[in-house]
PDB file of N, CA and C in Angstrom:
ATOM      1  N   MET A   1     -31.591   1.244  10.916  1.00  0.00           N
ATOM      2  CA  MET A   1     -32.389   1.145  11.282  1.00  0.00           C
ATOM      3  C   MET A   1     -33.737   0.906  10.066  1.00  0.00           C
ATOM      4  N   GLY A   2     -33.988  -0.459  10.007  1.00  0.00           N
ATOM      5  CA  GLY A   2     -34.704  -0.545   8.655  1.00  0.00           C
ATOM      6  C   GLY A   2     -36.187  -0.223   9.399  1.00  0.00           C
ATOM      7  N   THR A   3     -37.169  -0.095   8.657  1.00  0.00           N
ATOM      8  CA  THR A   3     -38.818   0.128   9.119  1.00  0.00           C
ATOM      9  C   THR A   3     -39.164  -1.194   8.866  1.00  0.00           C
ATOM     10  N   ASP A   4     -40.292  -1.215  10.261  1.00  0.00           N
ATOM     11  CA  ASP A   4     -41.150  -2.187  10.436  1.00  0.00           C
ATOM     12  C   ASP A   4     -42.311  -1.783   9.826  1.00  0.00           C
ATOM     13  N   LYS A   5     -42.408  -2.930   8.647  1.00  0.00           N
ATOM     14  CA  LYS A   5     -43.690  -2.758   7.638  1.00  0.00           C
ATOM     15  C   LYS A   5     -44.819  -3.060   9.062  1.00  0.00           C
ATOM     16  N   GLY A   6     -44.824  -4.409   9.505  1.00  0.00           N
ATOM     17  CA  GLY A   6     -46.142  -4.101  10.310  1.00  0.00           C
ATOM     18  C   GLY A   6     -46.653  -3.084  10.893  1.00  0.00           C
ATOM     19  N   LEU A   7     -45.828  -2.485  11.732  1.00  0.00           N
ATOM     20  CA  LEU A   7     -45.909  -0.894  12.496  1.00  0.00           C
ATOM     21  C   LEU A   7     -46.050   0.171  11.367  1.00  0.00           C
ATOM     22  N   ILE A   8     -45.647   0.132  10.351  1.00  0.00           N
ATOM     23  CA  ILE A   8     -46.164   1.422   9.129  1.00  0.00           C
ATOM     24  C   ILE A   8     -47.485   0.958   8.472  1.00  0.00           C
ATOM     25  N   ASP A   9     -47.897  -0.414   8.565  1.00  0.00           N
ATOM     26  CA  ASP A   9     -49.208  -0.642   7.895  1.00  0.00           C
ATOM     27  C   ASP A   9     -50.154  -0.366   8.825  1.00  0.00           C
ATOM     28  N   SER A  10     -49.714  -0.425  10.074  1.00  0.00           N
ATOM     29  CA  SER A  10     -50.718  -0.239  11.250  1.00  0.00           C
ATOM     30  C   SER A  10     -51.134   1.038  11.364  1.00  0.00           C
ATOM     31  N   LEU A  11     -49.974   1.738  11.305  1.00  0.00           N
ATOM     32  CA  LEU A  11     -50.304   3.170  11.457  1.00  0.00           C
ATOM     33  C   LEU A  11     -50.708   3.534  10.612  1.00  0.00           C
ATOM     34  N   ARG A  12     -50.531   3.420   9.217  1.00  0.00           N
ATOM     35  CA  ARG A  12     -51.289   3.643   8.154  1.00  0.00           C
ATOM     36  C   ARG A  12     -53.040   3.614   8.092  1.00  0.00           C
ATOM     37  N   LEU A  13     -53.268   2.634   8.497  1.00  0.00           N
ATOM     38  CA  LEU A  13     -54.562   2.009   8.878  1.00  0.00           C
ATOM     39  C   LEU A  13     -55.417   3.011   9.366  1.00  0.00           C
ATOM     40  N   GLU A  14     -54.641   3.413  10.740  1.00  0.00           N
ATOM     41  CA  GLU A  14     -55.317   4.053  11.798  1.00  0.00           C
ATOM     42  C   GLU A  14     -55.243   5.322  11.033  1.00  0.00           C
ATOM     43  N   LEU A  15     -54.307   5.837  10.482  1.00  0.00           N
ATOM     44  CA  LEU A  15     -54.529   7.240  10.265  1.00  0.00           C
ATOM     45  C   LEU A  15     -55.724   7.200   9.009  1.00  0.00           C
ATOM     46  N   ARG A  16     -55.741   6.524   7.570  1.00  0.00           N
ATOM     47  CA  ARG A  16     -56.883   5.918   7.008  1.00  0.00           C
ATOM     48  C   ARG A  16     -57.890   5.671   7.383  1.00  0.00           C
ATOM     49  N   ARG A  17     -58.538   5.141   8.788  1.00  0.00           N
ATOM     50  CA  ARG A  17     -59.713   5.021   9.481  1.00  0.00           C
ATOM     51  C   ARG A  17     -60.324   6.287   9.492  1.00  0.00           C
ATOM     52  N   GLY A  18     -59.805   7.178  10.418  1.00  0.00           N
ATOM     53  CA  GLY A  18     -60.241   8.728  10.582  1.00  0.00           C
ATOM     54  C   GLY A  18     -60.625   9.293   9.619  1.00  0.00           C
ATOM     55  N   THR A  19     -60.163   8.654   8.032  1.00  0.00           N
ATOM     56  CA  THR A  19     -60.643   9.765   6.966  1.00  0.00           C
ATOM     57  C   THR A  19     -61.598   9.459   6.425  1.00  0.00           C
ATOM     58  N   LEU A  20     -61.875   8.107   6.226  1.00  0.00           N
ATOM     59  CA  LEU A  20     -63.411   7.293   5.500  1.00  0.00           C
ATOM     60  C   LEU A  20     -64.621   8.122   5.774  1.00  0.00           C
ATOM     61  N   VAL A  21     -64.658   8.423   6.706  1.00  0.00           N
ATOM     62  CA  VAL A  21     -66.252   8.862   7.483  1.00  0.00           C
ATOM     63  C   VAL A  21     -65.740  10.145   6.156  1.00  0.00           C
ATOM     64  N   LEU A  22     -65.270  10.989   6.725  1.00  0.00           N
ATOM     65  CA  LEU A  22     -65.292  12.279   5.673  1.00  0.00           C
ATOM     66  C   LEU A  22     -65.564  11.939   3.937  1.00  0.00           C
ATOM     67  N   SER A  23     -64.322  10.798   3.320  1.00  0.00           N
ATOM     68  CA  SER A  23     -64.264  10.492   2.360  1.00  0.00           C
ATOM     69  C   SER A  23     -66.068  10.192   1.897  1.00  0.00           C
ATOM     70  N   VAL A  24     -66.267   9.337   2.609  1.00  0.00           N
ATOM     71  CA  VAL A  24     -67.713   8.672   2.252  1.00  0.00           C
ATOM     72  C   VAL A  24     -68.925   9.719   2.291  1.00  0.00           C
ATOM     73  N   LEU A  25     -68.758  10.865   3.053  1.00  0.00           N
ATOM     74  CA  LEU A  25     -69.320  11.717   3.383  1.00  0.00           C
ATOM     75  C   LEU A  25     -69.442  12.614   2.256  1.00  0.00           C
ATOM     76  N   SER A  26     -68.336  13.199   1.742  1.00  0.00           N
ATOM     77  CA  SER A  26     -68.173  14.045   0.691  1.00  0.00           C
ATOM     78  C   SER A  26     -68.592  13.273  -0.425  1.00  0.00           C
ATOM     79  N   ARG A  27     -68.790  12.129  -1.010  1.00  0.00           N
ATOM     80  CA  ARG A  27     -69.035  11.458  -2.018  1.00  0.00           C
ATOM     81  C   ARG A  27     -71.045  11.044  -2.234  1.00  0.00           C
ATOM     82  N   THR A  28     -71.280  11.593  -0.909  1.00  0.00           N
ATOM     83  CA  THR A  28     -72.645  10.773  -1.183  1.00  0.00           C
ATOM     84  C   THR A  28     -73.707  12.714  -0.976  1.00  0.00           C
ATOM     85  N   ASP A  29     -73.212  13.771  -1.731  1.00  0.00           N
ATOM     86  CA  ASP A  29     -74.412  14.558  -1.957  1.00  0.00           C
ATOM     87  C   ASP A  29     -75.076  14.259  -2.897  1.00  0.00           C
ATOM     88  N   GLU A  30     -75.148  13.483  -4.006  1.00  0.00           N
ATOM     89  CA  GLU A  30     -75.646  12.863  -4.825  1.00  0.00           C
ATOM     90  C   GLU A  30     -76.271  11.204  -4.338  1.00  0.00           C
ATOM     91  N   PRO A  31     -77.484  10.328  -4.543  1.00  0.00           N
ATOM     92  CA  PRO A  31     -77.313   9.311  -4.665  1.00  0.00           C
ATOM     93  C   PRO A  31     -76.294   8.212  -5.219  1.00  0.00           C
ATOM     94  N   LYS A  32     -75.506   7.868  -4.434  1.00  0.00           N
ATOM     95  CA  LYS A  32     -74.655   6.363  -5.921  1.00  0.00           C
ATOM     96  C   LYS A  32     -75.060   4.781  -4.470  1.00  0.00           C
ATOM     97  N   TYR A  33     -74.453   4.085  -5.303  1.00  0.00           N
ATOM     98  CA  TYR A  33     -74.915   2.731  -5.053  1.00  0.00           C
ATOM     99  C   TYR A  33     -73.469   1.944  -4.595  1.00  0.00           C
ATOM    100  N   GLY A  34     -72.761   1.377  -3.779  1.00  0.00           N
ATOM    101  CA  GLY A  34     -71.989   0.894  -2.927  1.00  0.00           C
ATOM    102  C   GLY A  34     -70.651   0.660  -4.079  1.00  0.00           C
ATOM    103  N   TYR A  35     -70.817  -0.075  -5.156  1.00  0.00           N
ATOM    104  CA  TYR A  35     -69.546  -0.208  -6.260  1.00  0.00           C
ATOM    105  C   TYR A  35     -69.520   0.912  -7.022  1.00  0.00           C
ATOM    106  N   ALA A  36     -70.415   2.368  -7.152  1.00  0.00           N
ATOM    107  CA  ALA A  36     -70.353   3.264  -7.466  1.00  0.00           C
ATOM    108  C   ALA A  36     -69.666   3.907  -6.697  1.00  0.00           C
ATOM    109  N   LEU A  37     -69.696   3.909  -5.627  1.00  0.00           N
ATOM    110  CA  LEU A  37     -69.124   4.702  -4.209  1.00  0.00           C
ATOM    111  C   LEU A  37     -67.491   4.171  -4.106  1.00  0.00           C
ATOM    112  N   VAL A  38     -67.434   3.015  -4.716  1.00  0.00           N
ATOM    113  CA  VAL A  38     -65.942   2.406  -4.277  1.00  0.00           C
ATOM    114  C   VAL A  38     -65.149   3.163  -5.219  1.00  0.00           C
ATOM    115  N   GLN A  39     -65.803   3.460  -6.727  1.00  0.00           N
ATOM    116  CA  GLN A  39     -64.992   3.633  -7.508  1.00  0.00           C
ATOM    117  C   GLN A  39     -64.793   5.332  -7.581  1.00  0.00           C
ATOM    118  N   SER A  40     -65.668   5.807  -7.397  1.00  0.00           N
ATOM    119  CA  SER A  40     -65.662   7.563  -6.829  1.00  0.00           C
ATOM    120  C   SER A  40     -64.606   8.090  -6.062  1.00  0.00           C
ATOM    121  N   LEU A  41     -64.383   6.876  -5.353  1.00  0.00           N
ATOM    122  CA  LEU A  41     -63.585   7.531  -3.942  1.00  0.00           C
ATOM    123  C   LEU A  41     -62.038   6.716  -4.830  1.00  0.00           C
ATOM    124  N   LEU A  42     -62.148   5.846  -5.307  1.00  0.00           N
ATOM    125  CA  LEU A  42     -61.029   5.471  -5.664  1.00  0.00           C
ATOM    126  C   LEU A  42     -60.495   5.932  -6.826  1.00  0.00           C
ATOM    127  N   ASP A  43     -61.468   6.683  -7.963  1.00  0.00           N
ATOM    128  CA  ASP A  43     -60.767   7.846  -9.055  1.00  0.00           C
ATOM    129  C   ASP A  43     -60.118   8.938  -8.174  1.00  0.00           C
ATOM    130  N   MET A  44     -60.641   9.232  -6.962  1.00  0.00           N
ATOM    131  CA  MET A  44     -60.026  10.990  -6.239  1.00  0.00           C
ATOM    132  C   MET A  44     -58.873  10.058  -5.417  1.00  0.00           C
ATOM    133  N   GLY A  45     -58.220   8.701  -5.716  1.00  0.00           N
ATOM    134  CA  GLY A  45     -57.195   8.375  -4.632  1.00  0.00           C
ATOM    135  C   GLY A  45     -57.378   7.913  -3.037  1.00  0.00           C
ATOM    136  N   VAL A  46     -58.617   7.481  -3.137  1.00  0.00           N
ATOM    137  CA  VAL A  46     -59.036   7.078  -1.706  1.00  0.00           C
ATOM    138  C   VAL A  46     -59.515   5.375  -1.979  1.00  0.00           C
ATOM    139  N   PRO A  47     -58.760   4.303  -2.135  1.00  0.00           N
ATOM    140  CA  PRO A  47     -59.250   2.750  -1.994  1.00  0.00           C
ATOM    141  C   PRO A  47     -59.836   2.713  -0.691  1.00  0.00           C
ATOM    142  N   ILE A  48     -60.975   2.010  -0.927  1.00  0.00           N
ATOM    143  CA  ILE A  48     -61.272   1.628   0.026  1.00  0.00           C
ATOM    144  C   ILE A  48     -62.452  -0.151  -0.293  1.00  0.00           C
ATOM    145  N   ASP A  49     -62.340  -0.908   0.481  1.00  0.00           N
ATOM    146  CA  ASP A  49     -62.195  -2.169   0.383  1.00  0.00           C
ATOM    147  C   ASP A  49     -63.987  -1.937   0.212  1.00  0.00           C
ATOM    148  N   PRO A  50     -65.056  -2.989  -0.377  1.00  0.00           N
ATOM    149  CA  PRO A  50     -66.112  -3.046   0.170  1.00  0.00           C
ATOM    150  C   PRO A  50     -66.559  -3.228   1.341  1.00  0.00           C
ATOM    151  N   ASN A  51     -65.532  -4.572   2.026  1.00  0.00           N
ATOM    152  CA  ASN A  51     -65.988  -5.093   3.406  1.00  0.00           C
ATOM    153  C   ASN A  51     -65.737  -3.792   4.337  1.00  0.00           C
ATOM    154  N   THR A  52     -64.789  -2.958   3.943  1.00  0.00           N
ATOM    155  CA  THR A  52     -64.935  -1.836   5.287  1.00  0.00           C
ATOM    156  C   THR A  52     -66.026  -0.370   4.670  1.00  0.00           C
ATOM    157  N   LEU A  53     -66.200  -0.242   3.429  1.00  0.00           N
ATOM    158  CA  LEU A  53     -67.596   0.364   3.310  1.00  0.00           C
ATOM    159  C   LEU A  53     -69.092  -0.100   3.581  1.00  0.00           C
ATOM    160  N   TYR A  54     -69.390  -1.400   2.950  1.00  0.00           N
ATOM    161  CA  TYR A  54     -70.655  -1.244   3.569  1.00  0.00           C
ATOM    162  C   TYR A  54     -70.758  -1.371   4.994  1.00  0.00           C
ATOM    163  N   PRO A  55     -69.870  -1.622   5.705  1.00  0.00           N
ATOM    164  CA  PRO A  55     -70.615  -1.495   7.210  1.00  0.00           C
ATOM    165  C   PRO A  55     -70.321  -0.079   7.853  1.00  0.00           C
ATOM    166  N   LEU A  56     -69.421   0.394   7.474  1.00  0.00           N
ATOM    167  CA  LEU A  56     -69.453   1.976   7.585  1.00  0.00           C
ATOM    168  C   LEU A  56     -70.765   2.359   6.905  1.00  0.00           C
ATOM    169  N   LEU A  57     -71.364   2.485   5.803  1.00  0.00           N
ATOM    170  CA  LEU A  57     -72.736   2.882   5.281  1.00  0.00           C
ATOM    171  C   LEU A  57     -73.992   2.569   6.146  1.00  0.00           C
ATOM    172  N   ARG A  58     -74.214   1.292   6.541  1.00  0.00           N
ATOM    173  CA  ARG A  58     -74.948   1.409   7.833  1.00  0.00           C
ATOM    174  C   ARG A  58     -74.741   1.748   8.844  1.00  0.00           C
ATOM    175  N   ARG A  59     -73.577   2.032   9.232  1.00  0.00           N
ATOM    176  CA  ARG A  59     -73.342   2.845  10.241  1.00  0.00           C
ATOM    177  C   ARG A  59     -73.713   3.954  10.520  1.00  0.00           C
ATOM    178  N   LEU A  60     -73.446   4.837   9.407  1.00  0.00           N
ATOM    179  CA  LEU A  60     -73.093   6.365   9.113  1.00  0.00           C
ATOM    180  C   LEU A  60     -75.052   6.104   8.981  1.00  0.00           C
ATOM    181  N   GLU A  61     -75.706   5.460   7.993  1.00  0.00           N
ATOM    182  CA  GLU A  61     -77.182   5.465   7.778  1.00  0.00           C
ATOM    183  C   GLU A  61     -77.755   5.252   9.349  1.00  0.00           C
ATOM    184  N   SER A  62     -77.267   4.429  10.343  1.00  0.00           N
ATOM    185  CA  SER A  62     -77.962   4.295  11.846  1.00  0.00           C
ATOM    186  C   SER A  62     -78.064   5.843  12.039  1.00  0.00           C
ATOM    187  N   GLN A  63     -76.596   6.253  12.336  1.00  0.00           N
ATOM    188  CA  GLN A  63     -76.724   7.877  12.919  1.00  0.00           C
ATOM    189  C   GLN A  63     -77.059   8.284  12.033  1.00  0.00           C
ATOM    190  N   GLY A  64     -78.070   8.838  11.182  1.00  0.00           N
ATOM    191  CA  GLY A  64     -78.561   9.555  10.581  1.00  0.00           C
ATOM    192  C   GLY A  64     -78.051  10.476   9.507  1.00  0.00           C
ATOM    193  N   LEU A  65     -77.051  10.023   9.301  1.00  0.00           N
ATOM    194  CA  LEU A  65     -75.774  11.183   8.366  1.00  0.00           C
ATOM    195  C   LEU A  65     -76.510  10.472   7.269  1.00  0.00           C
ATOM    196  N   LEU A  66     -77.046   9.206   6.433  1.00  0.00           N
ATOM    197  CA  LEU A  66     -76.964   8.549   5.112  1.00  0.00           C
ATOM    198  C   LEU A  66     -78.752   7.933   5.473  1.00  0.00           C
ATOM    199  N   ILE A  67     -79.222   8.401   4.004  1.00  0.00           N
ATOM    200  CA  ILE A  67     -80.333   7.451   3.822  1.00  0.00           C
ATOM    201  C   ILE A  67     -80.184   6.455   2.502  1.00  0.00           C
ATOM    202  N   SER A  68     -80.863   5.487   2.974  1.00  0.00           N
ATOM    203  CA  SER A  68     -80.741   4.565   1.424  1.00  0.00           C
ATOM    204  C   SER A  68     -82.011   4.610   1.267  1.00  0.00           C
ATOM    205  N   GLU A  69     -82.191   4.131  -0.407  1.00  0.00           N
ATOM    206  CA  GLU A  69     -83.620   3.641  -1.056  1.00  0.00           C
ATOM    207  C   GLU A  69     -82.852   2.670  -2.136  1.00  0.00           C
ATOM    208  N   TRP A  70     -83.547   1.648  -2.280  1.00  0.00           N
ATOM    209  CA  TRP A  70     -83.594   0.493  -2.780  1.00  0.00           C
ATOM    210  C   TRP A  70     -84.293   1.125  -4.626  1.00  0.00           C
ATOM    211  N   GLU A  71     -83.576   0.832  -5.442  1.00  0.00           N
ATOM    212  CA  GLU A  71     -83.523   0.925  -6.976  1.00  0.00           C
ATOM    213  C   GLU A  71     -84.019  -0.353  -7.972  1.00  0.00           C
ATOM    214  N   THR A  72     -85.166  -0.359  -8.199  1.00  0.00           N
ATOM    215  CA  THR A  72     -85.398  -1.835  -8.069  1.00  0.00           C
ATOM    216  C   THR A  72     -85.813  -1.970  -9.978  1.00  0.00           C
ATOM    217  N   ASP A  73     -85.628  -0.654 -10.484  1.00  0.00           N
ATOM    218  CA  ASP A  73     -86.176  -0.548 -12.182  1.00  0.00           C
ATOM    219  C   ASP A  73     -85.186  -0.828 -13.056  1.00  0.00           C
ATOM    220  N   GLY A  74     -83.745  -1.214 -12.574  1.00  0.00           N
ATOM    221  CA  GLY A  74     -82.906  -1.968 -13.711  1.00  0.00           C
ATOM    222  C   GLY A  74     -82.327  -3.195 -13.703  1.00  0.00           C
ATOM    223  N   PRO A  75     -81.530  -3.968 -14.550  1.00  0.00           N
ATOM    224  CA  PRO A  75     -81.558  -5.126 -14.234  1.00  0.00           C
ATOM    225  C   PRO A  75     -81.457  -5.912 -13.075  1.00  0.00           C
ATOM    226  N   LYS A  76     -80.755  -4.972 -12.370  1.00  0.00           N
ATOM    227  CA  LYS A  76     -80.698  -5.773 -10.805  1.00  0.00           C
ATOM    228  C   LYS A  76     -80.812  -4.754  -9.769  1.00  0.00           C
ATOM    229  N   PRO A  77     -81.484  -5.165  -8.456  1.00  0.00           N
ATOM    230  CA  PRO A  77     -81.631  -4.114  -7.425  1.00  0.00           C
ATOM    231  C   PRO A  77     -80.435  -3.418  -7.059  1.00  0.00           C
ATOM    232  N   ARG A  78     -80.642  -2.449  -6.771  1.00  0.00           N
ATOM    233  CA  ARG A  78     -79.298  -1.885  -6.470  1.00  0.00           C
ATOM    234  C   ARG A  78     -79.676  -0.874  -5.516  1.00  0.00           C
ATOM    235  N   LYS A  79     -79.168  -0.599  -3.761  1.00  0.00           N
ATOM    236  CA  LYS A  79     -79.220   0.486  -2.829  1.00  0.00           C
ATOM    237  C   LYS A  79     -78.424   1.664  -2.671  1.00  0.00           C
ATOM    238  N   TYR A  80     -79.121   2.519  -3.132  1.00  0.00           N
ATOM    239  CA  TYR A  80     -78.301   3.708  -3.039  1.00  0.00           C
ATOM    240  C   TYR A  80     -78.087   4.605  -1.971  1.00  0.00           C
ATOM    241  N   TYR A  81     -77.486   5.245  -1.350  1.00  0.00           N
ATOM    242  CA  TYR A  81     -76.977   5.782  -0.550  1.00  0.00           C
ATOM    243  C   TYR A  81     -76.664   7.201  -0.467  1.00  0.00           C
ATOM    244  N   ARG A  82     -77.008   8.418   0.186  1.00  0.00           N
ATOM    245  CA  ARG A  82     -77.080   9.738  -0.097  1.00  0.00           C
ATOM    246  C   ARG A  82     -77.018  10.368   1.178  1.00  0.00           C
ATOM    247  N   ARG A  83     -76.322  11.512   1.338  1.00  0.00           N
ATOM    248  CA  ARG A  83     -76.210  12.155   2.650  1.00  0.00           C
ATOM    249  C   ARG A  83     -77.824  12.610   2.952  1.00  0.00           C
ATOM    250  N   THR A  84     -78.436  13.026   4.292  1.00  0.00           N
ATOM    251  CA  THR A  84     -79.348  13.443   4.970  1.00  0.00           C
ATOM    252  C   THR A  84     -79.106  15.095   4.984  1.00  0.00           C
ATOM    253  N   PRO A  85     -79.893  15.707   5.095  1.00  0.00           N
ATOM    254  CA  PRO A  85     -79.960  17.476   5.752  1.00  0.00           C
ATOM    255  C   PRO A  85     -78.619  17.190   6.904  1.00  0.00           C
ATOM    256  N   PHE A  86     -78.938  16.494   7.532  1.00  0.00           N
ATOM    257  CA  PHE A  86     -78.047  16.559   9.298  1.00  0.00           C
ATOM    258  C   PHE A  86     -76.971  16.331   8.513  1.00  0.00           C
ATOM    259  N   GLY A  87     -76.692  14.826   7.599  1.00  0.00           N
ATOM    260  CA  GLY A  87     -75.304  14.489   7.146  1.00  0.00           C
ATOM    261  C   GLY A  87     -74.153  15.733   6.199  1.00  0.00           C
ATOM    262  N   THR A  88     -75.208  16.442   6.053  1.00  0.00           N
ATOM    263  CA  THR A  88     -74.595  17.645   5.217  1.00  0.00           C
ATOM    264  C   THR A  88     -73.889  18.241   6.358  1.00  0.00           C
ATOM    265  N   GLU A  89     -74.732  18.707   7.593  1.00  0.00           N
ATOM    266  CA  GLU A  89     -74.561  19.564   8.139  1.00  0.00           C
ATOM    267  C   GLU A  89     -73.106  18.861   9.224  1.00  0.00           C
ATOM    268  N   ILE A  90     -73.353  17.664   9.189  1.00  0.00           N
ATOM    269  CA  ILE A  90     -72.172  16.759   9.963  1.00  0.00           C
ATOM    270  C   ILE A  90     -71.030  17.049   8.884  1.00  0.00           C
ATOM    271  N   TYR A  91     -71.356  16.765   7.538  1.00  0.00           N
ATOM    272  CA  TYR A  91     -70.182  17.163   6.623  1.00  0.00           C
ATOM    273  C   TYR A  91     -69.292  18.126   6.797  1.00  0.00           C
ATOM    274  N   ARG A  92     -70.039  19.624   6.869  1.00  0.00           N
ATOM    275  CA  ARG A  92     -69.392  20.620   6.410  1.00  0.00           C
ATOM    276  C   ARG A  92     -68.598  20.668   7.664  1.00  0.00           C
ATOM    277  N   GLU A  93     -69.077  20.261   8.764  1.00  0.00           N
ATOM    278  CA  GLU A  93     -68.430  20.542  10.415  1.00  0.00           C
ATOM    279  C   GLU A  93     -67.386  19.725  10.136  1.00  0.00           C
ATOM    280  N   LEU A  94     -67.334  18.822   9.735  1.00  0.00           N
ATOM    281  CA  LEU A  94     -65.794  17.518   9.615  1.00  0.00           C
ATOM    282  C   LEU A  94     -65.181  18.256   8.906  1.00  0.00           C
ATOM    283  N   ARG A  95     -65.374  18.762   7.479  1.00  0.00           N
ATOM    284  CA  ARG A  95     -64.566  19.194   6.438  1.00  0.00           C
ATOM    285  C   ARG A  95     -64.187  20.320   7.195  1.00  0.00           C
ATOM    286  N   ASN A  96     -64.694  21.209   7.573  1.00  0.00           N
ATOM    287  CA  ASN A  96     -64.315  22.756   8.561  1.00  0.00           C
ATOM    288  C   ASN A  96     -63.067  21.962   9.357  1.00  0.00           C
ATOM    289  N   GLU A  97     -63.228  21.051  10.130  1.00  0.00           N
ATOM    290  CA  GLU A  97     -62.156  20.770  11.268  1.00  0.00           C
ATOM    291  C   GLU A  97     -61.302  19.766  10.480  1.00  0.00           C
ATOM    292  N   TRP A  98     -60.993  19.088   9.498  1.00  0.00           N
ATOM    293  CA  TRP A  98     -60.016  18.666   8.684  1.00  0.00           C
ATOM    294  C   TRP A  98     -59.481  19.604   8.194  1.00  0.00           C
ATOM    295  N   ASN A  99     -59.634  20.832   7.480  1.00  0.00           N
ATOM    296  CA  ASN A  99     -59.145  21.746   7.066  1.00  0.00           C
ATOM    297  C   ASN A  99     -58.209  22.899   7.919  1.00  0.00           C
ATOM    298  N   GLN A 100     -58.638  22.654   9.035  1.00  0.00           N
ATOM    299  CA  GLN A 100     -58.500  23.577   9.996  1.00  0.00           C
ATOM    300  C   GLN A 100     -56.589  22.261  10.523  1.00  0.00           C
ATOM    301  N   MET A 101     -57.082  21.299  10.719  1.00  0.00           N
ATOM    302  CA  MET A 101     -56.034  20.294  11.065  1.00  0.00           C
ATOM    303  C   MET A 101     -55.146  20.160  10.027  1.00  0.00           C
ATOM    304  N   ALA A 102     -55.284  19.801   8.591  1.00  0.00           N
ATOM    305  CA  ALA A 102     -54.623  19.544   7.620  1.00  0.00           C
ATOM    306  C   ALA A 102     -53.207  20.955   7.727  1.00  0.00           C
ATOM    307  N   GLY A 103     -53.909  22.064   7.775  1.00  0.00           N
ATOM    308  CA  GLY A 103     -53.308  23.338   7.817  1.00  0.00           C
ATOM    309  C   GLY A 103     -52.093  23.455   9.414  1.00  0.00           C
ATOM    310  N   ALA A 104     -52.652  22.737   9.547  1.00  0.00           N
ATOM    311  CA  ALA A 104     -51.303  22.832  11.101  1.00  0.00           C
ATOM    312  C   ALA A 104     -50.897  21.753  10.731  1.00  0.00           C
ATOM    313  N   MET A 105     -51.176  20.670  10.263  1.00  0.00           N
ATOM    314  CA  MET A 105     -49.905  19.545   9.981  1.00  0.00           C
ATOM    315  C   MET A 105     -49.123  20.081   9.221  1.00  0.00           C
ATOM    316  N   GLU A 106     -49.722  20.964   8.126  1.00  0.00           N
ATOM    317  CA  GLU A 106     -48.862  21.588   7.218  1.00  0.00           C
ATOM    318  C   GLU A 106     -47.312  22.195   7.800  1.00  0.00           C
ATOM    319  N   LEU A 107     -48.008  23.195   8.824  1.00  0.00           N
ATOM    320  CA  LEU A 107     -47.237  23.841   9.050  1.00  0.00           C
ATOM    321  C   LEU A 107     -46.005  23.289  10.289  1.00  0.00           C
ATOM    322  N   LEU A 108     -46.090  22.013  10.792  1.00  0.00           N
ATOM    323  CA  LEU A 108     -45.705  21.472  11.510  1.00  0.00           C
ATOM    324  C   LEU A 108     -44.302  20.727  10.774  1.00  0.00           C
ATOM    325  N   MET A 109     -45.080  20.368   9.177  1.00  0.00           N
ATOM    326  CA  MET A 109     -43.985  19.520   8.873  1.00  0.00           C
ATOM    327  C   MET A 109     -43.180  20.353   8.238  1.00  0.00           C
ATOM    328  N   LYS A 110     -43.669  21.448   7.628  1.00  0.00           N
ATOM    329  CA  LYS A 110     -42.793  22.382   6.994  1.00  0.00           C
ATOM    330  C   LYS A 110     -41.515  22.774   8.291  1.00  0.00           C
ATOM    331  N   GLU A 111     -41.902  23.192   9.661  1.00  0.00           N
ATOM    332  CA  GLU A 111     -40.946  23.328  10.297  1.00  0.00           C
ATOM    333  C   GLU A 111     -39.965  22.458  10.282  1.00  0.00           C
ATOM    334  N   GLU A 112     -39.804  20.803  10.319  1.00  0.00           N
ATOM    335  CA  GLU A 112     -39.047  20.019  10.296  1.00  0.00           C
ATOM    336  C   GLU A 112     -38.011  20.066   9.429  1.00  0.00           C
ATOM    337  N   SER A 113     -38.289  20.475   7.817  1.00  0.00           N
ATOM    338  CA  SER A 113     -38.035  21.073   6.843  1.00  0.00           C
ATOM    339  C   SER A 113     -36.330  21.429   7.177  1.00  0.00           C
TER     340      SER A 113
END
């Protein structure tokens, strides 16, 4: 029986969608503008499309997890994002939850071997 590429792509997207908030929060302890954030995530093995990133940044900002500031001193204006103290608190909770789930998944997958 062959693998249904459409199904795999859909399930992969669903799996990744749940990790993007944690990924973005992990990289915004220091101010970063959008392109630098895309590159930082890519360097860590988490590719993200800018069309996915910018709406996510706006949503996280509206939830009070990020704050943005315009930098206009350079050759072109850039909007920098960083975690708020509340965002850091939420990030730590999500990171702990991730570590617990990852450990449980590791055990589940070891059992099948």
